[in-house]
Amino acid sequence: MRILLFILILVHGLIHLMGFTKAFQLARLDQLSMPVSRFSGLIWGLSAFLLVAAAVLYLFWLNAWWIPGTVGVLLSTGLILNYWKDSKWGMIPNLVLMTVLFVAVAGYFFRHRFVKDARHVLSTLDSRPGNPLTLEDLAGLPDAVKNYIVYSGTVGKPRIQSFRAVLDAQIRADRNAAWIPLEVEQYNRIGPLSRLFFMNGKMKGLPVSGYHRFKDGHATMDIRLFSLLKVQRQEGKEMDIAETVTFFNDLCILAPGALISKKIEWEEIAPLQVKAKFTEGGTRIEALLFFNEQNQLISFESEDRYYISKETGPGKVRWVTPVSDYKDYHGYRLASRGEAIWYLPDGPLAYLRVELRDLRYNSPYHPVSREDL
């Protein structure tokens, strides 16, 4: 579809050069019976340039393609209406482009909320390299947690203030539903605590976007079709508690070096199993962490996250996220694959699969590039 749309925009743009060519008598064009002034010819040429530029930007995954595309289509539409006899069939590709551009513009402004929040959250990061994490900082932690942090490669490196993750994911609503592929960009700040999670995907072939925002102790989830039509929106106390669990889950899996936080109380249950109590604001949650002999975290479990049942509404259900396949990410060893599973009364529901594509610590905001995907 991307290649077909690129060809449509490109060819449509190049056809506009016919008006420019006739206005300046660069070639004989008997197909155009109406006279074209030099001023109109310049407009034909400008619309051709804008549409071709939009096609190239679109081909290379640059989100700003809609800017020249919108101006080009508006100019093209005006010209077609003015030269209707010769160019009326050009309205068909214009209508197609208008529809695509409408969705692209809606997507831009929906995503802009995430971009604005990410830039604001990261704007006050200390850009100076702080004191590195040391073995002395791990004193008092359970041995399993301490060994995991050392294994991750965090000791001797700058303390973690924030992280940026790019993920491929799949999600489904129930056991019989098809998996929906997602592209995810996420920013977490350790203090003050923030979690900003933006996703794009396809639901039955239609574009769907979602923004999870957790900031100042409050969480919202906004899922939209075409970035316009609301599919699902959640907020409230249950959402705040659930997102606190998710944030702590992120720390355990994606930022082991942040587990020295004073907001965490640790209790060793067994040599490779610990209980953690994490407090943020007035919210306190608990989780169990499981490790293997290789000092890798292999699973996270909590009973403080809410599952929303169609029959009974929100209720706390056991939530488990097993992780595996550790890889190197810019000098840090982290789990590259994970799952999220609800343990419901009628059996477990694995509803989310995730693969970590890229992760960077203490990084300022920058858009996702093709290399990240």
Protein backbone atom coordinates (compact mmCIF):
# COMPACT_ATOMS: atom_id res chain seq x y z
CA MET A 1 0.00 0.00 0.00
CA ARG A 2 2.84 2.39 0.77
CA ILE A 3 4.41 1.84 -2.66
CA LEU A 4 1.05 2.19 -4.43
CA LEU A 5 0.29 5.45 -2.64
CA PHE A 6 3.81 6.72 -3.39
CA ILE A 7 3.28 6.00 -7.09
CA LEU A 8 -0.14 7.67 -7.06
CA ILE A 9 1.18 10.88 -5.48
CA LEU A 10 4.28 10.92 -7.67
CA VAL A 11 2.47 10.35 -10.98
CA HIS A 12 -0.29 12.77 -10.03
CA GLY A 13 2.31 15.40 -9.24
CA LEU A 14 4.22 14.87 -12.47
CA ILE A 15 1.02 15.21 -14.52
CA HIS A 16 0.71 18.76 -13.16
CA LEU A 17 3.85 19.64 -15.12
CA MET A 18 1.70 19.57 -18.24
CA GLY A 19 0.11 22.89 -17.22
CA PHE A 20 3.54 24.38 -16.56
CA THR A 21 4.85 23.07 -19.89
CA LYS A 22 1.97 24.55 -21.87
CA ALA A 23 2.12 27.93 -20.11
CA PHE A 24 5.78 28.37 -21.05
CA GLN A 25 5.44 26.65 -24.45
CA LEU A 26 8.08 24.06 -23.63
CA ALA A 27 6.23 21.42 -25.68
CA ARG A 28 3.09 21.10 -27.75
CA LEU A 29 0.27 19.56 -25.71
CA ASP A 30 -2.86 19.06 -27.77
CA GLN A 31 -4.56 17.34 -24.81
CA LEU A 32 -4.93 20.74 -23.11
CA SER A 33 -7.43 22.77 -25.10
CA MET A 34 -7.77 25.64 -22.62
CA PRO A 35 -5.20 28.46 -22.60
CA VAL A 36 -2.86 28.55 -19.59
CA SER A 37 -1.36 31.85 -18.45
CA ARG A 38 2.20 32.02 -17.18
CA PHE A 39 0.96 32.76 -13.66
CA SER A 40 -1.29 29.68 -13.78
CA GLY A 41 1.62 27.72 -15.19
CA LEU A 42 3.71 28.65 -12.17
CA ILE A 43 0.91 27.40 -9.90
CA TRP A 44 0.76 24.14 -11.88
CA GLY A 45 4.53 23.82 -11.47
CA LEU A 46 4.40 24.61 -7.75
CA SER A 47 1.68 22.03 -7.13
CA ALA A 48 3.73 19.47 -9.07
CA PHE A 49 6.79 20.23 -6.93
CA LEU A 50 4.83 19.98 -3.67
CA LEU A 51 3.17 16.68 -4.60
CA VAL A 52 6.45 15.11 -5.75
CA ALA A 53 8.12 16.32 -2.53
CA ALA A 54 5.27 14.80 -0.50
CA ALA A 55 5.68 11.49 -2.35
CA VAL A 56 9.42 11.35 -1.61
CA LEU A 57 8.94 12.27 2.07
CA TYR A 58 6.19 9.66 2.37
CA LEU A 59 8.39 6.97 0.79
CA PHE A 60 11.13 7.64 3.35
CA TRP A 61 8.76 7.47 6.34
CA LEU A 62 9.02 11.18 7.17
CA ASN A 63 5.92 12.27 9.07
CA ALA A 64 6.05 15.82 7.69
CA TRP A 65 5.00 14.57 4.23
CA TRP A 66 1.44 15.75 4.89
CA ILE A 67 2.52 19.43 4.95
CA PRO A 68 3.59 19.74 1.27
CA GLY A 69 0.95 17.12 0.43
CA THR A 70 -1.90 19.19 1.88
CA VAL A 71 -0.78 22.43 0.20
CA GLY A 72 -0.19 20.60 -3.08
CA VAL A 73 -3.64 18.97 -3.06
CA LEU A 74 -5.37 22.28 -2.26
CA LEU A 75 -3.55 24.03 -5.12
CA SER A 76 -4.29 21.08 -7.40
CA THR A 77 -7.99 21.15 -6.54
CA GLY A 78 -8.21 24.86 -7.28
CA LEU A 79 -6.49 24.40 -10.62
CA ILE A 80 -8.68 21.45 -11.58
CA LEU A 81 -11.85 23.41 -10.82
CA ASN A 82 -10.52 26.32 -12.87
CA TYR A 83 -9.52 24.08 -15.79
CA TRP A 84 -12.33 21.54 -15.37
CA LYS A 85 -12.73 20.71 -19.05
CA ASP A 86 -9.13 19.49 -19.41
CA SER A 87 -8.39 18.20 -15.90
CA LYS A 88 -11.62 16.97 -14.29
CA TRP A 89 -10.33 13.39 -13.97
CA GLY A 90 -7.59 14.69 -11.69
CA MET A 91 -10.22 15.05 -8.95
CA ILE A 92 -10.27 11.27 -8.45
CA PRO A 93 -6.67 11.00 -7.18
CA ASN A 94 -7.18 14.27 -5.28
CA LEU A 95 -10.13 12.81 -3.39
CA VAL A 96 -8.06 9.73 -2.54
CA LEU A 97 -5.21 11.93 -1.34
CA MET A 98 -7.55 14.15 0.67
CA THR A 99 -8.81 11.10 2.56
CA VAL A 100 -5.30 9.84 3.26
CA LEU A 101 -4.12 13.32 4.24
CA PHE A 102 -7.07 13.80 6.59
CA VAL A 103 -6.05 10.64 8.47
CA ALA A 104 -2.36 11.67 8.41
CA VAL A 105 -3.10 15.12 9.84
CA ALA A 106 -5.33 13.62 12.55
CA GLY A 107 -2.54 11.18 13.39
CA TYR A 108 0.00 13.98 13.57
CA PHE A 109 -2.02 16.05 16.05
CA PHE A 110 -2.97 13.01 18.17
CA ARG A 111 0.69 11.96 18.38
CA HIS A 112 1.75 15.56 19.01
CA ARG A 113 0.29 15.30 22.53
CA PHE A 114 2.73 12.46 23.23
CA VAL A 115 5.64 14.33 21.63
CA LYS A 116 4.89 17.49 23.61
CA ASP A 117 4.69 15.55 26.89
CA ALA A 118 7.91 13.65 26.15
CA ARG A 119 9.83 16.82 25.37
CA HIS A 120 8.53 18.48 28.53
CA VAL A 121 9.27 15.49 30.77
CA LEU A 122 12.83 15.15 29.42
CA SER A 123 13.61 18.87 29.19
CA THR A 124 14.89 19.08 32.76
CA LEU A 125 17.15 16.05 32.64
CA ASP A 126 20.65 16.73 33.90
CA SER A 127 22.80 16.42 30.78
CA ARG A 128 26.02 16.21 32.81
CA PRO A 129 27.25 12.68 33.47
CA GLY A 130 26.58 12.07 37.16
CA ASN A 131 28.33 9.75 39.54
CA PRO A 132 28.31 6.20 38.16
CA LEU A 133 26.43 3.41 39.89
CA THR A 134 28.78 1.51 42.22
CA LEU A 135 28.70 -1.81 44.05
CA GLU A 136 28.37 0.16 47.28
CA ASP A 137 25.04 1.52 46.00
CA LEU A 138 23.73 -2.05 45.92
CA ALA A 139 24.35 -2.67 49.62
CA GLY A 140 21.24 -3.88 51.38
CA LEU A 141 19.57 -5.31 48.30
CA PRO A 142 18.69 -9.02 48.16
CA ASP A 143 21.48 -11.01 46.51
CA ALA A 144 19.27 -11.96 43.54
CA VAL A 145 18.50 -8.30 42.79
CA LYS A 146 22.12 -7.27 43.31
CA ASN A 147 23.40 -9.99 40.97
CA TYR A 148 20.80 -9.06 38.35
CA ILE A 149 21.86 -5.40 38.37
CA VAL A 150 25.52 -6.39 38.01
CA TYR A 151 24.64 -8.83 35.20
CA SER A 152 22.74 -6.09 33.33
CA GLY A 153 25.98 -4.11 32.97
CA THR A 154 24.68 -1.07 34.83
CA VAL A 155 27.42 -0.86 37.49
CA GLY A 156 30.12 1.62 36.52
CA LYS A 157 27.79 3.51 34.17
CA PRO A 158 25.81 6.75 34.78
CA ARG A 159 22.79 6.45 37.05
CA ILE A 160 19.53 6.08 35.17
CA GLN A 161 17.36 9.19 35.04
CA SER A 162 15.14 8.09 32.16
CA PHE A 163 14.93 5.67 29.29
CA ARG A 164 13.50 5.48 25.78
CA ALA A 165 12.29 2.16 24.40
CA VAL A 166 11.19 1.18 20.90
CA LEU A 167 9.24 -2.07 20.75
CA ASP A 168 7.40 -4.36 18.38
CA ALA A 169 4.31 -5.82 20.00
CA GLN A 170 1.20 -7.89 19.40
CA ILE A 171 -2.00 -7.57 21.39
CA ARG A 172 -5.39 -9.29 21.48
CA ALA A 173 -8.60 -8.85 23.45
CA ASP A 174 -9.32 -12.52 24.20
CA ARG A 175 -8.15 -16.04 23.38
CA ASN A 176 -10.17 -16.21 20.17
CA ALA A 177 -9.22 -12.77 18.85
CA ALA A 178 -6.58 -12.21 16.17
CA TRP A 179 -3.27 -10.71 17.23
CA ILE A 180 -2.96 -7.02 16.34
CA PRO A 181 0.61 -5.91 15.46
CA LEU A 182 1.81 -2.70 17.14
CA GLU A 183 4.77 -0.35 16.88
CA VAL A 184 5.52 1.25 20.26
CA GLU A 185 7.58 4.21 21.39
CA GLN A 186 7.93 4.78 25.12
CA TYR A 187 9.60 7.26 27.47
CA ASN A 188 9.94 6.72 31.22
CA ARG A 189 11.41 9.20 33.67
CA ILE A 190 12.49 7.82 37.02
CA GLY A 191 12.00 11.00 39.01
CA PRO A 192 9.66 12.77 38.95
CA LEU A 193 7.93 9.59 37.82
CA SER A 194 6.45 9.61 34.30
CA ARG A 195 5.54 6.94 31.76
CA LEU A 196 4.53 7.94 28.22
CA PHE A 197 3.60 5.11 25.88
CA PHE A 198 2.46 5.62 22.27
CA MET A 199 1.46 2.85 19.88
CA ASN A 200 0.37 2.47 16.27
CA GLY A 201 -1.25 -0.61 14.77
CA LYS A 202 -3.85 -2.10 12.46
CA MET A 203 -7.21 -3.41 13.63
CA LYS A 204 -9.01 -5.34 10.88
CA GLY A 205 -6.87 -3.47 8.38
CA LEU A 206 -7.74 -0.04 9.81
CA PRO A 207 -5.17 2.23 11.52
CA VAL A 208 -5.49 2.45 15.30
CA SER A 209 -3.37 4.55 17.67
CA GLY A 210 -3.16 4.70 21.45
CA TYR A 211 -1.57 6.92 24.06
CA HIS A 212 -1.00 5.75 27.64
CA ARG A 213 -0.01 8.68 29.86
CA PHE A 214 1.13 8.28 33.47
CA LYS A 215 2.28 11.50 35.05
CA ASP A 216 1.91 13.17 38.47
CA GLY A 217 0.40 9.96 39.80
CA HIS A 218 -2.50 9.94 37.34
CA ALA A 219 -2.97 7.66 34.33
CA THR A 220 -5.09 7.86 31.18
CA MET A 221 -5.45 5.52 28.22
CA ASP A 222 -6.84 6.84 24.94
CA ILE A 223 -7.27 4.42 21.99
CA ARG A 224 -8.51 5.83 18.67
CA LEU A 225 -9.39 4.57 15.21
CA PHE A 226 -7.88 6.80 12.48
CA SER A 227 -6.53 8.86 15.44
CA LEU A 228 -10.02 10.38 15.61
CA LEU A 229 -12.74 7.94 16.66
CA LYS A 230 -12.47 6.91 20.29
CA VAL A 231 -12.35 3.14 20.71
CA GLN A 232 -11.53 3.11 24.41
CA ARG A 233 -10.69 5.65 27.11
CA GLN A 234 -9.87 4.85 30.73
CA GLU A 235 -8.85 6.87 33.74
CA GLY A 236 -9.50 6.92 37.48
CA LYS A 237 -8.17 5.34 40.66
CA GLU A 238 -8.02 1.79 39.28
CA MET A 239 -6.08 3.02 36.25
CA ASP A 240 -3.64 4.93 38.48
CA ILE A 241 -2.92 1.81 40.54
CA ALA A 242 -2.60 -0.42 37.47
CA GLU A 243 -0.18 1.99 35.80
CA THR A 244 1.92 2.16 38.97
CA VAL A 245 2.32 -1.62 38.67
CA THR A 246 3.22 -1.24 34.99
CA PHE A 247 5.79 1.47 35.76
CA PHE A 248 7.47 -0.74 38.37
CA ASN A 249 7.39 -3.62 35.89
CA ASP A 250 9.22 -1.37 33.41
CA LEU A 251 11.90 -0.58 36.00
CA CYS A 252 12.48 -4.25 36.74
CA ILE A 253 12.74 -5.30 33.08
CA LEU A 254 14.10 -2.24 31.25
CA ALA A 255 16.01 -0.29 33.91
CA PRO A 256 17.60 -2.66 36.46
CA GLY A 257 19.95 0.09 37.62
CA ALA A 258 16.96 2.06 38.93
CA LEU A 259 16.08 -0.71 41.41
CA ILE A 260 18.24 1.03 44.06
CA SER A 261 15.34 3.47 44.51
CA LYS A 262 14.35 4.27 48.10
CA LYS A 263 10.71 3.87 47.00
CA ILE A 264 11.23 0.08 46.92
CA GLU A 265 11.16 -2.20 49.98
CA TRP A 266 12.67 -5.64 49.41
CA GLU A 267 12.03 -8.99 51.09
CA GLU A 268 13.88 -12.17 50.15
CA ILE A 269 11.44 -15.08 49.85
CA ALA A 270 13.93 -17.65 48.49
CA PRO A 271 17.43 -17.45 46.95
CA LEU A 272 15.97 -16.69 43.50
CA GLN A 273 12.66 -15.10 44.53
CA VAL A 274 12.02 -11.71 46.13
CA LYS A 275 9.01 -9.61 47.07
CA ALA A 276 9.02 -5.88 46.33
CA LYS A 277 6.79 -3.12 47.65
CA PHE A 278 6.85 0.01 45.49
CA THR A 279 5.33 3.29 46.66
CA GLU A 280 4.59 6.32 44.50
CA GLY A 281 2.62 9.17 46.02
CA GLY A 282 -0.25 7.58 47.91
CA THR A 283 -0.19 4.35 45.89
CA ARG A 284 1.55 1.23 47.15
CA ILE A 285 1.80 -1.95 45.12
CA GLU A 286 3.47 -5.33 45.60
CA ALA A 287 5.16 -7.72 43.18
CA LEU A 288 7.14 -10.95 43.15
CA LEU A 289 10.32 -11.19 41.07
CA PHE A 290 11.80 -14.52 39.94
CA PHE A 291 15.41 -15.04 38.76
CA ASN A 292 17.44 -17.92 37.31
CA GLU A 293 20.94 -19.23 38.04
CA GLN A 294 22.35 -16.95 35.31
CA ASN A 295 21.28 -13.89 37.37
CA GLN A 296 18.56 -13.03 34.85
CA LEU A 297 15.09 -11.83 35.77
CA ILE A 298 12.68 -14.38 34.28
CA SER A 299 9.27 -13.32 35.60
CA PHE A 300 7.37 -10.54 37.37
CA GLU A 301 4.04 -11.15 39.12
CA SER A 302 1.57 -8.80 40.81
CA GLU A 303 -1.99 -9.02 42.04
CA ASP A 304 -2.47 -5.25 42.19
CA ARG A 305 -3.29 -4.66 38.54
CA TYR A 306 -6.89 -4.31 37.39
CA TYR A 307 -8.54 -6.38 34.67
CA ILE A 308 -11.75 -4.95 33.21
CA SER A 309 -14.36 -7.66 32.73
CA LYS A 310 -17.35 -6.99 30.50
CA GLU A 311 -19.55 -8.78 33.02
CA THR A 312 -18.24 -7.59 36.39
CA GLY A 313 -16.23 -4.44 35.62
CA PRO A 314 -12.71 -3.74 36.96
CA GLY A 315 -11.18 -6.13 39.50
CA LYS A 316 -7.71 -7.11 40.64
CA VAL A 317 -6.36 -10.18 38.86
CA ARG A 318 -2.97 -11.89 38.98
CA TRP A 319 -0.78 -10.37 36.25
CA VAL A 320 2.42 -12.09 35.10
CA THR A 321 5.12 -10.94 32.65
CA PRO A 322 7.68 -13.66 31.85
CA VAL A 323 10.77 -12.38 29.98
CA SER A 324 13.58 -14.10 28.09
CA ASP A 325 16.24 -13.93 25.35
CA TYR A 326 18.71 -11.46 26.87
CA LYS A 327 20.62 -9.31 24.37
CA ASP A 328 23.07 -6.42 24.36
CA TYR A 329 21.61 -2.92 23.98
CA HIS A 330 24.39 -0.34 23.77
CA GLY A 331 26.40 -2.06 26.49
CA TYR A 332 23.50 -3.22 28.68
CA ARG A 333 22.17 -6.80 28.88
CA LEU A 334 18.38 -6.81 28.94
CA ALA A 335 15.53 -9.19 28.14
CA SER A 336 14.51 -8.74 24.51
CA ARG A 337 11.23 -10.67 24.62
CA GLY A 338 8.31 -10.72 27.00
CA GLU A 339 4.67 -11.60 27.47
CA ALA A 340 1.83 -10.30 29.61
CA ILE A 341 -0.64 -12.82 31.00
CA TRP A 342 -3.86 -12.42 32.98
CA TYR A 343 -4.74 -15.37 35.23
CA LEU A 344 -8.52 -15.24 34.93
CA PRO A 345 -11.05 -17.52 36.65
CA ASP A 346 -11.48 -19.51 33.42
CA GLY A 347 -7.74 -19.85 32.82
CA PRO A 348 -4.72 -17.79 31.74
CA LEU A 349 -5.00 -15.25 28.93
CA ALA A 350 -1.74 -14.27 27.20
CA TYR A 351 -2.79 -10.98 25.65
CA LEU A 352 0.47 -9.17 24.88
CA ARG A 353 3.76 -10.13 23.24
CA VAL A 354 6.67 -7.71 23.11
CA GLU A 355 10.08 -7.57 21.44
CA LEU A 356 12.51 -4.82 22.48
CA ARG A 357 14.04 -3.23 19.38
CA ASP A 358 16.06 -0.42 20.92
CA LEU A 359 16.66 1.08 24.35
CA ARG A 360 18.65 4.14 25.41
CA TYR A 361 19.15 5.66 28.83
CA ASN A 362 19.18 9.37 29.73
CA SER A 363 18.41 10.30 26.13
CA PRO A 364 16.63 13.50 25.04
CA TYR A 365 13.52 13.18 22.94
CA HIS A 366 14.04 12.31 19.28
CA PRO A 367 11.59 10.79 16.80
CA VAL A 368 11.67 7.10 15.96
CA SER A 369 13.83 6.47 12.90
CA ARG A 370 13.59 3.64 10.38
CA GLU A 371 16.67 2.10 12.03
CA ASP A 372 14.72 1.76 15.28
CA LEU A 373 11.93 -0.27 13.68
